[in-house]
Amino acid sequence: MNETIASNIRDLSDSGEFRFAASCTVCGKTWISTPTPFSKAEGIVKSEVKKFFFMKCYHKEKRNAMAAAIKEAKSSLNFCPVCRSLVCDDCFMICEHDDMCIDCASYFHEKGERVD
């Protein structure tokens, strides 16, 4: 599921904080991660050497923030094993035979309960 979320996540980060978003493929509702501040956001970098280390730090913190966002997204987003879509809790069904999104449940006439 990590790969599914990672491939569907959008980067909303700026120079001061890291944020990520993903949208439900059924209803379009957007999940946005908790913002993570960049530790060196206030720093002014003038020399090229310092810019290099500043950017390395930025990218390392961004990778860590993305990993945390993926972990956080798992509590709000679900992977449909039938159509392989990423869907929100409101659009995911716990069914008798297999859990799936509401579109697939409707198509296969499966009954179940929404996660919400």
N, C-alpha and C. Protein backbone atom coordinates (compact mmCIF):
# COMPACT_ATOMS: atom_id res chain seq x y z
N MET A 1 0.82 -1.20 0.00
CA MET A 1 0.00 0.00 0.00
C MET A 1 0.86 1.26 0.00
N ASN A 2 2.05 1.18 0.61
CA ASN A 2 2.95 2.34 0.61
C ASN A 2 3.22 2.83 -0.81
N GLU A 3 3.45 1.89 -1.72
CA GLU A 3 3.76 2.26 -3.11
C GLU A 3 2.55 2.91 -3.78
N THR A 4 1.35 2.41 -3.48
CA THR A 4 0.13 2.98 -4.05
C THR A 4 -0.05 4.41 -3.58
N ILE A 5 0.12 4.63 -2.29
CA ILE A 5 -0.01 6.00 -1.76
C ILE A 5 1.08 6.88 -2.34
N ALA A 6 2.32 6.40 -2.33
CA ALA A 6 3.45 7.19 -2.84
C ALA A 6 3.24 7.59 -4.30
N SER A 7 2.68 6.69 -5.10
CA SER A 7 2.49 7.02 -6.52
C SER A 7 1.31 7.97 -6.74
N ASN A 8 0.43 8.11 -5.75
CA ASN A 8 -0.73 8.99 -5.88
C ASN A 8 -0.62 10.27 -5.06
N ILE A 9 0.48 10.44 -4.38
CA ILE A 9 0.63 11.59 -3.49
C ILE A 9 1.14 12.80 -4.28
N ARG A 10 0.61 13.97 -3.92
CA ARG A 10 1.06 15.22 -4.54
C ARG A 10 1.86 16.01 -3.52
N ASP A 11 2.87 16.65 -3.99
CA ASP A 11 3.75 17.43 -3.13
C ASP A 11 3.24 18.87 -3.04
N LEU A 12 2.89 19.30 -1.84
CA LEU A 12 2.44 20.67 -1.60
C LEU A 12 3.48 21.46 -0.80
N SER A 13 4.68 20.93 -0.71
CA SER A 13 5.73 21.53 0.11
C SER A 13 6.19 22.86 -0.45
N ASP A 14 6.71 23.69 0.45
CA ASP A 14 7.36 24.94 0.05
C ASP A 14 8.67 25.03 0.82
N SER A 15 9.33 26.16 0.78
CA SER A 15 10.64 26.29 1.42
C SER A 15 10.57 26.27 2.94
N GLY A 16 9.38 26.44 3.51
CA GLY A 16 9.26 26.48 4.96
C GLY A 16 8.70 25.24 5.60
N GLU A 17 7.93 24.44 4.83
CA GLU A 17 7.33 23.24 5.41
C GLU A 17 7.05 22.21 4.33
N PHE A 18 6.90 20.98 4.80
CA PHE A 18 6.59 19.87 3.91
C PHE A 18 5.14 19.45 4.14
N ARG A 19 4.37 19.33 3.05
CA ARG A 19 2.99 18.85 3.10
C ARG A 19 2.73 18.04 1.84
N PHE A 20 1.86 17.05 1.99
CA PHE A 20 1.54 16.18 0.88
C PHE A 20 0.03 15.95 0.84
N ALA A 21 -0.50 15.60 -0.32
CA ALA A 21 -1.94 15.38 -0.47
C ALA A 21 -2.18 14.21 -1.40
N ALA A 22 -3.33 13.58 -1.21
CA ALA A 22 -3.80 12.52 -2.10
C ALA A 22 -5.32 12.63 -2.17
N SER A 23 -5.88 12.26 -3.31
CA SER A 23 -7.33 12.36 -3.49
C SER A 23 -7.95 11.00 -3.69
N CYS A 24 -9.16 10.86 -3.17
CA CYS A 24 -9.95 9.64 -3.36
C CYS A 24 -10.34 9.56 -4.83
N THR A 25 -10.14 8.40 -5.45
CA THR A 25 -10.48 8.25 -6.87
C THR A 25 -11.98 8.11 -7.09
N VAL A 26 -12.74 7.88 -6.02
CA VAL A 26 -14.20 7.75 -6.17
C VAL A 26 -14.88 9.10 -6.00
N CYS A 27 -14.69 9.75 -4.85
CA CYS A 27 -15.42 11.00 -4.56
C CYS A 27 -14.57 12.26 -4.78
N GLY A 28 -13.25 12.10 -4.88
CA GLY A 28 -12.38 13.25 -5.10
C GLY A 28 -11.97 13.99 -3.84
N LYS A 29 -12.45 13.54 -2.68
CA LYS A 29 -12.08 14.20 -1.42
C LYS A 29 -10.56 14.14 -1.26
N THR A 30 -9.98 15.25 -0.85
CA THR A 30 -8.53 15.34 -0.73
C THR A 30 -8.10 15.23 0.72
N TRP A 31 -7.15 14.35 0.96
CA TRP A 31 -6.49 14.20 2.25
C TRP A 31 -5.20 15.01 2.19
N ILE A 32 -4.91 15.78 3.24
CA ILE A 32 -3.67 16.56 3.30
C ILE A 32 -2.94 16.19 4.58
N SER A 33 -1.65 15.93 4.45
CA SER A 33 -0.85 15.53 5.60
C SER A 33 -0.65 16.68 6.59
N THR A 34 -0.30 16.31 7.80
CA THR A 34 0.06 17.30 8.81
C THR A 34 1.34 17.99 8.35
N PRO A 35 1.39 19.33 8.36
CA PRO A 35 2.60 20.03 7.92
C PRO A 35 3.79 19.72 8.84
N THR A 36 4.95 19.56 8.21
CA THR A 36 6.20 19.34 8.94
C THR A 36 7.13 20.50 8.60
N PRO A 37 7.53 21.30 9.59
CA PRO A 37 8.40 22.44 9.28
C PRO A 37 9.80 22.00 8.86
N PHE A 38 10.39 22.74 7.94
CA PHE A 38 11.78 22.52 7.54
C PHE A 38 12.68 23.16 8.60
N SER A 39 13.61 22.39 9.14
CA SER A 39 14.42 22.86 10.27
C SER A 39 15.28 24.08 9.96
N LYS A 40 15.62 24.29 8.72
CA LYS A 40 16.49 25.41 8.36
C LYS A 40 15.76 26.45 7.51
N ALA A 41 14.46 26.52 7.67
CA ALA A 41 13.64 27.42 6.84
C ALA A 41 14.02 28.88 7.00
N GLU A 42 14.48 29.27 8.16
CA GLU A 42 14.81 30.67 8.42
C GLU A 42 16.23 31.05 7.97
N GLY A 43 17.03 30.05 7.62
CA GLY A 43 18.42 30.31 7.28
C GLY A 43 18.59 30.98 5.93
N ILE A 44 19.50 31.95 5.87
CA ILE A 44 19.85 32.61 4.62
C ILE A 44 21.20 32.06 4.19
N VAL A 45 21.22 31.48 3.00
CA VAL A 45 22.43 30.81 2.52
C VAL A 45 22.99 31.63 1.36
N LYS A 46 24.26 32.06 1.53
CA LYS A 46 24.87 32.90 0.50
C LYS A 46 25.92 32.16 -0.31
N SER A 47 26.74 31.35 0.32
CA SER A 47 27.82 30.68 -0.42
C SER A 47 27.29 29.43 -1.11
N GLU A 48 27.92 29.07 -2.21
CA GLU A 48 27.53 27.89 -2.99
C GLU A 48 27.72 26.61 -2.19
N VAL A 49 28.78 26.54 -1.40
CA VAL A 49 29.02 25.35 -0.58
C VAL A 49 27.90 25.17 0.43
N LYS A 50 27.52 26.25 1.08
CA LYS A 50 26.44 26.16 2.06
C LYS A 50 25.11 25.84 1.38
N LYS A 51 24.89 26.35 0.18
CA LYS A 51 23.66 26.04 -0.56
C LYS A 51 23.58 24.54 -0.83
N PHE A 52 24.72 23.93 -1.17
CA PHE A 52 24.77 22.50 -1.44
C PHE A 52 24.31 21.72 -0.20
N PHE A 53 24.88 22.05 0.97
CA PHE A 53 24.51 21.34 2.20
C PHE A 53 23.09 21.67 2.64
N PHE A 54 22.66 22.89 2.40
CA PHE A 54 21.30 23.30 2.70
C PHE A 54 20.30 22.45 1.89
N MET A 55 20.57 22.28 0.60
CA MET A 55 19.69 21.50 -0.26
C MET A 55 19.72 20.02 0.10
N LYS A 56 20.89 19.51 0.48
CA LYS A 56 20.95 18.11 0.92
C LYS A 56 20.09 17.91 2.16
N CYS A 57 20.17 18.84 3.08
CA CYS A 57 19.36 18.78 4.30
C CYS A 57 17.88 18.86 3.95
N TYR A 58 17.52 19.78 3.05
CA TYR A 58 16.13 19.94 2.63
C TYR A 58 15.58 18.64 2.05
N HIS A 59 16.32 18.02 1.14
CA HIS A 59 15.85 16.80 0.48
C HIS A 59 15.77 15.63 1.46
N LYS A 60 16.71 15.56 2.39
CA LYS A 60 16.66 14.49 3.40
C LYS A 60 15.41 14.66 4.28
N GLU A 61 15.17 15.87 4.75
CA GLU A 61 13.99 16.12 5.59
C GLU A 61 12.70 15.90 4.80
N LYS A 62 12.72 16.23 3.52
CA LYS A 62 11.53 16.03 2.68
C LYS A 62 11.24 14.54 2.51
N ARG A 63 12.27 13.72 2.30
CA ARG A 63 12.07 12.26 2.21
C ARG A 63 11.48 11.72 3.50
N ASN A 64 12.01 12.19 4.64
CA ASN A 64 11.50 11.75 5.94
C ASN A 64 10.05 12.20 6.15
N ALA A 65 9.74 13.43 5.73
CA ALA A 65 8.38 13.94 5.87
C ALA A 65 7.41 13.16 4.97
N MET A 66 7.87 12.78 3.78
CA MET A 66 7.03 11.99 2.89
C MET A 66 6.75 10.61 3.49
N ALA A 67 7.77 9.99 4.08
CA ALA A 67 7.57 8.69 4.72
C ALA A 67 6.56 8.80 5.87
N ALA A 68 6.65 9.87 6.64
CA ALA A 68 5.70 10.10 7.73
C ALA A 68 4.30 10.36 7.18
N ALA A 69 4.21 11.08 6.07
CA ALA A 69 2.91 11.37 5.45
C ALA A 69 2.26 10.09 4.92
N ILE A 70 3.05 9.22 4.34
CA ILE A 70 2.52 7.94 3.85
C ILE A 70 1.97 7.12 5.01
N LYS A 71 2.71 7.10 6.10
CA LYS A 71 2.25 6.38 7.30
C LYS A 71 0.94 7.00 7.81
N GLU A 72 0.89 8.32 7.84
CA GLU A 72 -0.31 9.03 8.30
C GLU A 72 -1.50 8.77 7.36
N ALA A 73 -1.25 8.73 6.06
CA ALA A 73 -2.31 8.53 5.07
C ALA A 73 -3.00 7.18 5.23
N LYS A 74 -2.27 6.20 5.72
CA LYS A 74 -2.84 4.86 5.89
C LYS A 74 -4.04 4.84 6.83
N SER A 75 -4.15 5.83 7.70
CA SER A 75 -5.28 5.87 8.61
C SER A 75 -6.52 6.49 7.97
N SER A 76 -6.39 7.08 6.78
CA SER A 76 -7.52 7.74 6.12
C SER A 76 -7.80 7.21 4.71
N LEU A 77 -6.85 6.53 4.12
CA LEU A 77 -6.99 6.06 2.74
C LEU A 77 -6.88 4.54 2.69
N ASN A 78 -7.55 3.96 1.71
CA ASN A 78 -7.58 2.52 1.55
C ASN A 78 -7.27 2.15 0.11
N PHE A 79 -6.74 0.95 -0.08
CA PHE A 79 -6.42 0.43 -1.39
C PHE A 79 -7.48 -0.60 -1.77
N CYS A 80 -8.17 -0.38 -2.88
CA CYS A 80 -9.16 -1.35 -3.35
C CYS A 80 -8.42 -2.46 -4.11
N PRO A 81 -8.52 -3.70 -3.62
CA PRO A 81 -7.81 -4.80 -4.27
C PRO A 81 -8.42 -5.20 -5.62
N VAL A 82 -9.63 -4.74 -5.90
CA VAL A 82 -10.29 -5.10 -7.15
C VAL A 82 -9.85 -4.16 -8.28
N CYS A 83 -10.09 -2.86 -8.11
CA CYS A 83 -9.75 -1.90 -9.17
C CYS A 83 -8.39 -1.22 -8.95
N ARG A 84 -7.77 -1.49 -7.80
CA ARG A 84 -6.44 -0.99 -7.45
C ARG A 84 -6.42 0.53 -7.27
N SER A 85 -7.54 1.09 -6.83
CA SER A 85 -7.65 2.53 -6.61
C SER A 85 -7.38 2.87 -5.15
N LEU A 86 -7.02 4.11 -4.93
CA LEU A 86 -6.85 4.65 -3.59
C LEU A 86 -8.13 5.41 -3.25
N VAL A 87 -8.80 5.02 -2.16
CA VAL A 87 -10.07 5.64 -1.82
C VAL A 87 -10.11 6.02 -0.34
N CYS A 88 -10.94 7.00 -0.03
CA CYS A 88 -11.10 7.46 1.35
C CYS A 88 -11.96 6.45 2.13
N ASP A 89 -12.01 6.61 3.43
CA ASP A 89 -12.80 5.73 4.28
C ASP A 89 -14.28 5.76 3.91
N ASP A 90 -14.79 6.93 3.51
CA ASP A 90 -16.20 7.05 3.14
C ASP A 90 -16.56 6.22 1.91
N CYS A 91 -15.57 5.93 1.08
CA CYS A 91 -15.82 5.22 -0.18
C CYS A 91 -15.27 3.79 -0.16
N PHE A 92 -14.98 3.28 1.02
CA PHE A 92 -14.44 1.91 1.12
C PHE A 92 -15.39 1.06 1.93
N MET A 93 -15.67 -0.13 1.44
CA MET A 93 -16.64 -1.03 2.06
C MET A 93 -15.95 -2.26 2.67
N ILE A 94 -16.40 -2.61 3.86
CA ILE A 94 -16.00 -3.87 4.48
C ILE A 94 -17.10 -4.86 4.09
N CYS A 95 -16.80 -5.76 3.18
CA CYS A 95 -17.78 -6.69 2.63
C CYS A 95 -17.56 -8.11 3.17
N GLU A 96 -18.52 -8.97 2.92
CA GLU A 96 -18.46 -10.34 3.42
C GLU A 96 -17.30 -11.12 2.81
N HIS A 97 -17.14 -11.01 1.50
CA HIS A 97 -16.13 -11.82 0.82
C HIS A 97 -14.78 -11.13 0.67
N ASP A 98 -14.81 -9.85 0.36
CA ASP A 98 -13.57 -9.10 0.18
C ASP A 98 -13.89 -7.62 0.35
N ASP A 99 -13.03 -6.88 1.00
CA ASP A 99 -13.22 -5.44 1.16
C ASP A 99 -12.88 -4.76 -0.16
N MET A 100 -13.64 -3.71 -0.49
CA MET A 100 -13.43 -3.04 -1.77
C MET A 100 -14.07 -1.65 -1.76
N CYS A 101 -13.79 -0.88 -2.78
CA CYS A 101 -14.38 0.45 -2.89
C CYS A 101 -15.87 0.33 -3.20
N ILE A 102 -16.61 1.41 -2.97
CA ILE A 102 -18.06 1.35 -3.19
C ILE A 102 -18.42 1.14 -4.66
N ASP A 103 -17.59 1.61 -5.58
CA ASP A 103 -17.86 1.39 -7.00
C ASP A 103 -17.78 -0.10 -7.34
N CYS A 104 -16.75 -0.77 -6.86
CA CYS A 104 -16.61 -2.20 -7.13
C CYS A 104 -17.69 -3.00 -6.40
N ALA A 105 -18.01 -2.60 -5.17
CA ALA A 105 -19.06 -3.28 -4.41
C ALA A 105 -20.39 -3.17 -5.15
N SER A 106 -20.67 -2.01 -5.70
CA SER A 106 -21.90 -1.82 -6.46
C SER A 106 -21.89 -2.68 -7.72
N TYR A 107 -20.79 -2.69 -8.42
CA TYR A 107 -20.66 -3.46 -9.66
C TYR A 107 -20.87 -4.95 -9.41
N PHE A 108 -20.29 -5.47 -8.32
CA PHE A 108 -20.38 -6.90 -8.00
C PHE A 108 -21.56 -7.23 -7.07
N HIS A 109 -22.41 -6.24 -6.80
CA HIS A 109 -23.58 -6.41 -5.93
C HIS A 109 -23.19 -6.97 -4.56
N GLU A 110 -22.08 -6.46 -4.03
CA GLU A 110 -21.62 -6.87 -2.70
C GLU A 110 -22.24 -5.95 -1.67
N LYS A 111 -22.63 -6.50 -0.56
CA LYS A 111 -23.16 -5.70 0.56
C LYS A 111 -22.08 -5.61 1.61
N GLY A 112 -22.09 -4.52 2.33
CA GLY A 112 -21.10 -4.33 3.38
C GLY A 112 -21.35 -3.02 4.11
N GLU A 113 -20.41 -2.69 4.95
CA GLU A 113 -20.47 -1.47 5.75
C GLU A 113 -19.33 -0.56 5.33
N ARG A 114 -19.62 0.72 5.24
CA ARG A 114 -18.56 1.70 4.96
C ARG A 114 -17.63 1.80 6.16
N VAL A 115 -16.39 2.11 5.89
CA VAL A 115 -15.40 2.25 6.97
C VAL A 115 -15.71 3.44 7.84
N ASP A 116 -16.09 4.58 7.20
CA ASP A 116 -16.20 5.86 7.91
C ASP A 116 -16.41 5.61 9.38
